[in-house]
Amino acid sequence: MEFGSFGGQFVPGKILDAVKKVEQAYEEAMKDPSFLEEYRQYLKEYVGRPSLLYEAKRLTEHLGGARIFLKREDLNHTGAHKINNVLGQALLAKRMGIKKLIAETGAGQHGVATATVAALMGMACEIHMGAVDVEKQSLNVYRMKMLGAKVVVVEEGLKTLKEAVDSALITWANELDTTFYLIGSAVGPHPYPIMVREFQKVIGEEIKAQLQATEQRLPDYVLACVGGGSNAIGAFYDFIQNPSVKLIGVEAAGDGVDTKRHAATMTLGKTGIIHGMQTKVLLEDDGSISEVYSISAGLDYPGVGPEHSYLESIHRVQYVAATDQEAVDAFMLLTKTEGIIPAIESSHAVAYAIKLAPTLPKENILVINLSGRGDKDVKQIARFLGETLID
């Protein structure tokens, strides 16, 4: 296991062989200065990094208490943190001589990022997405198609992110020699959780450097939403060895953790195996994987990255949950106080910050990783609030 009792490679032999090839190629690439330099150049010239660290003064004044800063991953090309990881994995696929990318997506941001980079690098691209999420995120679906990707609509099960991952894995198993499975979150069999973290840790590295430059200090808190956990592990990783920095992951409570309609894996999950890894999973009494729900298509996943399970087990990261209503309220408050429309995923982290900031001293600094922008969510928020938008 890579993270205490969590991680591993729980996949059948045929897929395991492909995973081992990815593992070997990844380890070789990370020792190659030319690969790392090419990756950094794309981050700078294509993504637009470093992303800004912005002090949300009006939100801070509204809430009282700690100073709130936003790490503006929403300003990246394609509108979210997903592009950081996609570029790294696509460059690895190119290095391996593979010319087709396959991916799963929930909220659509990973799908858009994968389709974008496939277009950039002249690769074929296939995105698997649950039918429920396709309906929620029709704008992102059309963006993927515009970029040249084939979108596979998954009709099985709950028709959300878990089923999209299942579908992508089945397709990959039949195309192992010609296709690279580009996982969007810090999940899956080893080396994917480590690989995704390494391509996302630039977020936390930048937060640390930016605050040192402007405030000459570390933050007191770093908050991020958690579904599979890639934006959160990216924001947290560079601070794990700094015990003065409190790290908080915020997952989806849906209609409430006292109901069946939630995706609060860290809050209520048990150790189990899902999608090739041992981690915390929402399970029924008979051991089957629970149905999950969130207003956020990017957070309705019944598992979580194994590194998050480990960090909770050693009490380094605190995991909490925010409801749909709290996330929507946070979405609207940030929009109205700062003129920044956050992704509904990121709004879960904003929601907890709204509770936490007023309880903290005014000299404290709280950083929220604003993992994506909310253009894709406007119609859904309008529906939630009882309004209908006309196309």
Protein backbone atom coordinates (compact mmCIF):
# COMPACT_ATOMS: atom_id res chain seq x y z
CA MET A 1 0.00 0.00 0.00
CA GLU A 2 1.18 3.53 -0.74
CA PHE A 3 -0.67 5.35 2.06
CA GLY A 4 -0.61 3.22 5.20
CA SER A 5 -3.40 0.67 4.74
CA PHE A 6 -4.83 2.59 1.77
CA GLY A 7 -4.03 2.49 -1.95
CA GLY A 8 -2.92 -0.58 -3.87
CA GLN A 9 -3.63 -2.03 -7.31
CA PHE A 10 -6.89 -3.97 -7.06
CA VAL A 11 -7.47 -4.59 -10.77
CA PRO A 12 -7.59 -7.78 -12.89
CA GLY A 13 -4.44 -9.08 -14.61
CA LYS A 14 -5.02 -7.59 -18.05
CA ILE A 15 -5.59 -4.09 -16.68
CA LEU A 16 -2.85 -4.57 -14.09
CA ASP A 17 -0.33 -5.08 -16.90
CA ALA A 18 -1.38 -1.75 -18.42
CA VAL A 19 -1.26 -0.04 -15.02
CA LYS A 20 2.28 -1.38 -14.49
CA LYS A 21 3.33 0.11 -17.85
CA VAL A 22 1.90 3.48 -16.81
CA GLU A 23 3.71 3.16 -13.46
CA GLN A 24 7.05 2.47 -15.13
CA ALA A 25 6.63 5.25 -17.68
CA TYR A 26 5.61 7.72 -14.97
CA GLU A 27 8.59 6.91 -12.76
CA GLU A 28 10.96 7.33 -15.70
CA ALA A 29 9.32 10.58 -16.82
CA MET A 30 9.55 12.17 -13.37
CA LYS A 31 13.32 11.61 -13.42
CA ASP A 32 13.65 13.25 -16.85
CA PRO A 33 14.36 17.01 -16.60
CA SER A 34 13.15 17.57 -20.18
CA PHE A 35 9.73 16.06 -19.39
CA LEU A 36 9.35 18.21 -16.28
CA GLU A 37 10.48 21.32 -18.12
CA GLU A 38 7.97 20.74 -20.92
CA TYR A 39 5.22 20.27 -18.34
CA ARG A 40 6.14 23.50 -16.53
CA GLN A 41 6.24 25.41 -19.81
CA TYR A 42 2.71 24.32 -20.66
CA LEU A 43 1.54 25.34 -17.17
CA LYS A 44 2.99 28.80 -17.68
CA GLU A 45 2.23 29.47 -21.34
CA TYR A 46 -0.97 27.48 -21.91
CA VAL A 47 -2.70 27.25 -18.53
CA GLY A 48 -1.64 30.69 -17.34
CA ARG A 49 0.07 29.75 -14.08
CA PRO A 50 0.70 30.85 -11.45
CA SER A 51 -2.99 31.36 -10.73
CA LEU A 52 -3.79 34.41 -8.63
CA LEU A 53 -4.14 34.44 -4.85
CA TYR A 54 -6.83 37.05 -4.20
CA GLU A 55 -7.85 38.57 -0.87
CA ALA A 56 -11.65 38.61 -0.72
CA LYS A 57 -11.96 41.80 1.33
CA ARG A 58 -15.71 42.33 0.93
CA LEU A 59 -16.48 38.73 1.90
CA THR A 60 -14.10 39.07 4.85
CA GLU A 61 -15.81 42.28 5.96
CA HIS A 62 -19.24 40.71 5.55
CA LEU A 63 -18.35 37.72 7.71
CA GLY A 64 -15.98 39.28 10.22
CA GLY A 65 -13.14 37.27 11.70
CA ALA A 66 -10.34 35.76 9.62
CA ARG A 67 -9.01 37.27 6.40
CA ILE A 68 -10.19 35.17 3.47
CA PHE A 69 -8.04 34.53 0.41
CA LEU A 70 -9.14 32.70 -2.74
CA LYS A 71 -6.75 30.58 -4.79
CA ARG A 72 -8.10 31.34 -8.25
CA GLU A 73 -7.95 28.00 -10.06
CA ASP A 74 -11.12 29.19 -11.80
CA LEU A 75 -8.90 31.50 -13.87
CA ASN A 76 -6.96 28.63 -15.43
CA HIS A 77 -7.51 27.85 -19.10
CA THR A 78 -10.69 25.68 -19.26
CA GLY A 79 -11.89 27.17 -15.95
CA ALA A 80 -10.72 24.71 -13.29
CA HIS A 81 -7.79 22.94 -11.66
CA LYS A 82 -8.31 19.85 -13.85
CA ILE A 83 -6.03 21.12 -16.63
CA ASN A 84 -2.94 20.85 -14.36
CA ASN A 85 -3.25 17.07 -14.13
CA VAL A 86 -4.51 16.50 -17.66
CA LEU A 87 -1.45 18.15 -19.19
CA GLY A 88 0.89 15.97 -17.14
CA GLN A 89 -0.85 12.72 -18.00
CA ALA A 90 -1.29 13.62 -21.68
CA LEU A 91 2.43 14.37 -21.96
CA LEU A 92 3.07 10.97 -20.37
CA ALA A 93 0.77 9.27 -22.91
CA LYS A 94 2.60 11.07 -25.72
CA ARG A 95 5.92 9.89 -24.27
CA MET A 96 4.54 6.30 -24.30
CA GLY A 97 3.58 6.63 -27.96
CA ILE A 98 -0.17 6.42 -27.27
CA LYS A 99 -2.45 8.58 -29.41
CA LYS A 100 -5.88 8.15 -27.81
CA LEU A 101 -7.04 9.47 -24.44
CA ILE A 102 -10.02 8.08 -22.56
CA ALA A 103 -11.47 9.73 -19.46
CA GLU A 104 -14.45 9.87 -17.12
CA THR A 105 -16.07 13.09 -15.98
CA GLY A 106 -18.77 14.19 -13.54
CA ALA A 107 -19.12 17.97 -13.57
CA GLY A 108 -17.56 18.00 -17.02
CA GLN A 109 -14.48 20.07 -16.17
CA HIS A 110 -12.14 17.09 -16.43
CA GLY A 111 -13.81 16.07 -19.68
CA VAL A 112 -13.37 19.56 -21.11
CA ALA A 113 -9.74 19.70 -19.98
CA THR A 114 -9.01 16.28 -21.50
CA ALA A 115 -10.70 17.19 -24.78
CA THR A 116 -8.80 20.48 -24.82
CA VAL A 117 -5.40 18.88 -24.36
CA ALA A 118 -6.24 16.13 -26.86
CA ALA A 119 -6.94 18.85 -29.42
CA LEU A 120 -3.70 20.62 -28.45
CA MET A 121 -1.63 17.47 -28.93
CA GLY A 122 -3.47 15.99 -31.90
CA MET A 123 -4.85 12.98 -30.01
CA ALA A 124 -8.14 11.13 -30.28
CA CYS A 125 -10.36 11.55 -27.22
CA GLU A 126 -13.31 9.68 -25.67
CA ILE A 127 -15.15 10.96 -22.58
CA HIS A 128 -17.50 8.80 -20.50
CA MET A 129 -20.19 10.68 -18.57
CA GLY A 130 -23.31 9.56 -16.70
CA ALA A 131 -26.63 10.50 -18.29
CA VAL A 132 -27.73 12.45 -15.19
CA ASP A 133 -24.53 14.51 -15.30
CA VAL A 134 -24.91 15.02 -19.06
CA GLU A 135 -28.26 16.68 -18.36
CA LYS A 136 -26.85 18.79 -15.51
CA GLN A 137 -23.82 19.89 -17.50
CA SER A 138 -25.05 20.16 -21.09
CA LEU A 139 -22.83 23.19 -21.76
CA ASN A 140 -19.68 21.25 -20.90
CA VAL A 141 -20.86 18.29 -22.99
CA TYR A 142 -21.16 20.55 -26.03
CA ARG A 143 -17.74 22.07 -25.32
CA MET A 144 -16.20 18.58 -25.38
CA LYS A 145 -17.86 17.81 -28.69
CA MET A 146 -16.69 21.14 -30.14
CA LEU A 147 -13.14 20.18 -29.17
CA GLY A 148 -13.45 16.93 -31.14
CA ALA A 149 -14.12 14.45 -28.35
CA LYS A 150 -16.55 11.55 -28.54
CA VAL A 151 -18.89 11.69 -25.53
CA VAL A 152 -20.17 8.31 -24.32
CA VAL A 153 -23.41 8.74 -22.32
CA VAL A 154 -23.61 6.09 -19.59
CA GLU A 155 -27.16 4.89 -18.85
CA GLU A 156 -26.38 2.21 -16.24
CA GLY A 157 -26.93 2.48 -12.47
CA LEU A 158 -27.35 5.98 -11.08
CA LYS A 159 -25.95 7.38 -14.34
CA THR A 160 -23.39 9.55 -12.50
CA LEU A 161 -19.64 9.61 -11.85
CA LYS A 162 -19.18 6.08 -10.49
CA GLU A 163 -20.85 4.59 -13.55
CA ALA A 164 -18.77 6.84 -15.83
CA VAL A 165 -15.60 5.45 -14.24
CA ASP A 166 -16.90 1.87 -14.61
CA SER A 167 -17.68 2.47 -18.28
CA ALA A 168 -14.31 4.06 -19.01
CA LEU A 169 -12.48 1.17 -17.32
CA ILE A 170 -14.37 -1.42 -19.38
CA THR A 171 -13.56 0.41 -22.61
CA TRP A 172 -9.91 0.80 -21.61
CA ALA A 173 -9.68 -2.92 -20.89
CA ASN A 174 -10.53 -3.57 -24.56
CA GLU A 175 -8.07 -0.99 -25.93
CA LEU A 176 -5.07 -1.27 -23.63
CA ASP A 177 -2.41 -1.18 -26.34
CA THR A 178 -3.68 1.96 -28.05
CA THR A 179 -5.40 4.00 -25.31
CA PHE A 180 -4.29 5.90 -22.19
CA TYR A 181 -6.80 6.14 -19.34
CA LEU A 182 -6.48 9.70 -18.04
CA ILE A 183 -8.01 9.64 -14.55
CA GLY A 184 -9.29 13.01 -13.41
CA SER A 185 -9.07 12.71 -9.64
CA ALA A 186 -6.64 11.36 -7.06
CA VAL A 187 -8.25 7.92 -7.22
CA GLY A 188 -7.74 4.54 -8.87
CA PRO A 189 -4.95 1.97 -8.71
CA HIS A 190 -1.37 3.02 -8.01
CA PRO A 191 0.30 5.10 -9.51
CA TYR A 192 -2.74 7.24 -10.38
CA PRO A 193 -3.35 8.81 -6.92
CA ILE A 194 0.31 9.76 -6.61
CA MET A 195 0.54 10.88 -10.23
CA VAL A 196 -2.51 13.13 -9.97
CA ARG A 197 -1.23 14.61 -6.70
CA GLU A 198 2.17 15.34 -8.23
CA PHE A 199 0.54 17.15 -11.16
CA GLN A 200 -1.77 19.11 -8.82
CA LYS A 201 0.62 19.98 -5.97
CA VAL A 202 1.58 23.16 -7.84
CA ILE A 203 -1.56 24.66 -6.24
CA GLY A 204 -0.26 24.42 -2.68
CA GLU A 205 3.27 25.31 -3.72
CA GLU A 206 1.97 28.55 -5.22
CA ILE A 207 -0.23 29.37 -2.21
CA LYS A 208 2.78 29.02 0.07
CA ALA A 209 5.07 31.14 -2.13
CA GLN A 210 2.42 33.82 -2.77
CA LEU A 211 1.56 34.28 0.91
CA GLN A 212 5.23 34.33 1.88
CA ALA A 213 5.80 37.07 -0.70
CA THR A 214 2.87 39.29 0.37
CA GLU A 215 2.34 38.46 4.06
CA GLN A 216 5.69 36.84 5.01
CA ARG A 217 3.85 33.98 6.66
CA LEU A 218 1.94 30.73 6.15
CA PRO A 219 -1.86 30.53 6.19
CA ASP A 220 -3.66 29.37 9.33
CA TYR A 221 -6.20 27.34 7.35
CA VAL A 222 -6.44 25.87 3.84
CA LEU A 223 -9.89 24.67 2.73
CA ALA A 224 -10.88 22.72 -0.38
CA CYS A 225 -13.87 20.69 -1.54
CA VAL A 226 -13.47 16.91 -1.74
CA GLY A 227 -15.10 14.50 -4.15
CA GLY A 228 -12.38 12.19 -5.40
CA GLY A 229 -9.99 14.72 -3.97
CA SER A 230 -7.58 16.08 -6.60
CA ASN A 231 -7.97 19.81 -5.99
CA ALA A 232 -7.82 19.23 -2.24
CA ILE A 233 -4.68 17.09 -2.27
CA GLY A 234 -3.12 19.63 -4.63
CA ALA A 235 -3.86 22.46 -2.21
CA PHE A 236 -2.93 20.49 0.94
CA TYR A 237 0.19 18.58 -0.03
CA ASP A 238 2.83 21.28 0.38
CA PHE A 239 1.49 22.08 3.86
CA ILE A 240 1.35 18.56 5.31
CA GLN A 241 4.72 19.05 6.99
CA ASN A 242 3.65 22.43 8.44
CA PRO A 243 1.59 21.48 11.53
CA SER A 244 0.61 25.11 12.19
CA VAL A 245 -1.50 25.06 9.00
CA LYS A 246 -4.89 23.46 9.56
CA LEU A 247 -6.21 21.58 6.52
CA ILE A 248 -9.94 21.08 6.01
CA GLY A 249 -11.64 19.07 3.25
CA VAL A 250 -15.33 19.75 2.63
CA GLU A 251 -17.45 17.06 1.02
CA ALA A 252 -21.06 16.91 -0.13
CA ALA A 253 -23.73 16.44 2.53
CA GLY A 254 -26.48 16.71 -0.11
CA ASP A 255 -29.82 16.79 1.70
CA GLY A 256 -28.02 16.05 4.99
CA VAL A 257 -25.78 13.33 6.42
CA ASP A 258 -28.76 12.11 8.45
CA THR A 259 -30.49 11.19 5.16
CA LYS A 260 -29.60 8.72 2.41
CA ARG A 261 -29.08 11.56 -0.08
CA HIS A 262 -25.47 12.60 0.40
CA ALA A 263 -21.92 11.83 -0.74
CA ALA A 264 -20.15 12.24 2.60
CA THR A 265 -17.58 9.45 2.19
CA MET A 266 -15.06 10.71 4.75
CA THR A 267 -17.81 11.41 7.29
CA LEU A 268 -19.71 8.11 7.03
CA GLY A 269 -17.62 5.78 4.88
CA LYS A 270 -15.91 2.49 5.75
CA THR A 271 -12.75 0.92 4.39
CA GLY A 272 -13.47 -0.90 1.15
CA ILE A 273 -12.32 -1.38 -2.43
CA ILE A 274 -13.54 0.69 -5.34
CA HIS A 275 -12.05 1.36 -8.78
CA GLY A 276 -8.79 -0.43 -8.10
CA MET A 277 -7.94 1.07 -4.70
CA GLN A 278 -8.53 0.42 -1.02
CA THR A 279 -9.92 3.55 0.58
CA LYS A 280 -12.97 4.86 2.42
CA VAL A 281 -16.18 4.00 0.60
CA LEU A 282 -19.86 4.53 1.32
CA LEU A 283 -21.17 0.99 1.83
CA GLU A 284 -24.49 -0.64 2.63
CA ASP A 285 -24.79 -3.22 5.42
CA ASP A 286 -24.45 -6.00 2.84
CA GLY A 287 -21.16 -4.56 1.58
CA SER A 288 -22.54 -3.13 -1.66
CA ILE A 289 -21.59 0.40 -2.68
CA SER A 290 -24.16 2.97 -1.60
CA GLU A 291 -26.10 5.23 -3.92
CA VAL A 292 -24.89 8.79 -3.51
CA TYR A 293 -26.32 12.23 -4.22
CA SER A 294 -25.14 15.83 -4.44
CA ILE A 295 -26.26 18.91 -6.29
CA SER A 296 -22.67 18.88 -7.53
CA ALA A 297 -21.94 16.46 -10.36
CA GLY A 298 -18.26 16.61 -9.38
CA LEU A 299 -18.75 15.52 -5.77
CA ASP A 300 -21.31 12.68 -6.07
CA TYR A 301 -18.76 9.87 -5.81
CA PRO A 302 -19.03 7.05 -3.23
CA GLY A 303 -15.26 6.78 -2.69
CA VAL A 304 -12.35 9.16 -2.15
CA GLY A 305 -8.65 9.26 -2.96
CA PRO A 306 -6.65 6.89 -0.72
CA GLU A 307 -4.26 9.63 0.38
CA HIS A 308 -7.20 11.49 1.92
CA SER A 309 -8.20 8.36 3.83
CA TYR A 310 -4.64 8.12 5.13
CA LEU A 311 -4.44 11.81 6.09
CA GLU A 312 -7.66 11.46 8.05
CA SER A 313 -6.37 8.30 9.77
CA ILE A 314 -3.30 10.17 11.07
CA HIS A 315 -5.46 13.18 12.02
CA ARG A 316 -3.59 15.56 9.72
CA VAL A 317 -6.65 16.71 7.75
CA GLN A 318 -10.15 17.37 9.10
CA TYR A 319 -13.04 16.40 6.86
CA VAL A 320 -16.47 18.01 7.16
CA ALA A 321 -19.56 18.21 4.96
CA ALA A 322 -21.78 20.97 3.53
CA THR A 323 -25.36 20.53 2.31
CA ASP A 324 -26.77 21.53 -1.07
CA GLN A 325 -28.51 24.50 0.52
CA GLU A 326 -25.33 25.68 2.24
CA ALA A 327 -23.38 25.35 -1.01
CA VAL A 328 -25.98 27.31 -2.99
CA ASP A 329 -26.09 30.03 -0.32
CA ALA A 330 -22.28 30.24 -0.48
CA PHE A 331 -22.39 30.35 -4.28
CA MET A 332 -24.72 33.35 -4.14
CA LEU A 333 -22.87 35.15 -1.34
CA LEU A 334 -19.47 34.97 -3.04
CA THR A 335 -21.03 36.07 -6.32
CA LYS A 336 -22.70 39.09 -4.74
CA THR A 337 -19.84 40.19 -2.47
CA GLU A 338 -16.86 39.66 -4.79
CA GLY A 339 -18.25 39.41 -8.33
CA ILE A 340 -16.75 35.91 -8.58
CA ILE A 341 -19.07 33.05 -9.59
CA PRO A 342 -17.64 29.83 -8.12
CA ALA A 343 -18.23 26.27 -9.26
CA ILE A 344 -20.86 24.56 -7.13
CA GLU A 345 -18.13 22.07 -6.12
CA SER A 346 -15.91 24.88 -4.78
CA SER A 347 -18.94 26.45 -3.12
CA HIS A 348 -18.96 23.60 -0.60
CA ALA A 349 -15.56 24.82 0.67
CA VAL A 350 -16.82 28.41 0.65
CA ALA A 351 -19.83 27.27 2.70
CA TYR A 352 -17.66 25.90 5.49
CA ALA A 353 -15.46 29.00 5.41
CA ILE A 354 -18.60 31.09 5.96
CA LYS A 355 -19.16 29.17 9.21
CA LEU A 356 -15.51 29.10 10.27
CA ALA A 357 -14.19 32.59 9.50
CA PRO A 358 -16.37 34.51 12.01
CA THR A 359 -15.10 32.27 14.85
CA LEU A 360 -11.43 33.08 14.15
CA PRO A 361 -9.23 36.04 15.15
CA LYS A 362 -8.99 38.81 12.56
CA GLU A 363 -5.26 38.25 12.14
CA ASN A 364 -5.84 34.66 10.97
CA ILE A 365 -5.56 33.88 7.25
CA LEU A 366 -7.92 31.37 5.66
CA VAL A 367 -7.28 30.24 2.07
CA ILE A 368 -10.07 28.63 0.02
CA ASN A 369 -9.05 26.72 -3.07
CA LEU A 370 -11.54 28.01 -5.61
CA SER A 371 -11.19 24.93 -7.79
CA GLY A 372 -13.38 26.06 -10.69
CA ARG A 373 -15.69 28.70 -12.08
CA GLY A 374 -19.45 28.48 -11.96
CA ASP A 375 -20.62 29.32 -15.48
CA LYS A 376 -21.49 25.65 -15.95
CA ASP A 377 -23.72 25.69 -12.85
CA VAL A 378 -25.84 28.81 -13.41
CA LYS A 379 -28.83 26.97 -14.92
CA GLN A 380 -28.79 24.37 -12.18
CA ILE A 381 -28.59 27.01 -9.44
CA ALA A 382 -31.49 28.86 -11.05
CA ARG A 383 -33.57 25.65 -11.01
CA PHE A 384 -32.67 25.05 -7.36
CA LEU A 385 -33.87 28.56 -6.56
CA GLY A 386 -37.12 28.05 -8.44
CA GLU A 387 -36.29 30.04 -11.55
CA THR A 388 -36.33 28.91 -15.18
CA LEU A 389 -33.82 30.17 -17.72
CA ILE A 390 -34.79 30.19 -21.39
CA ASP A 391 -32.15 29.08 -23.92
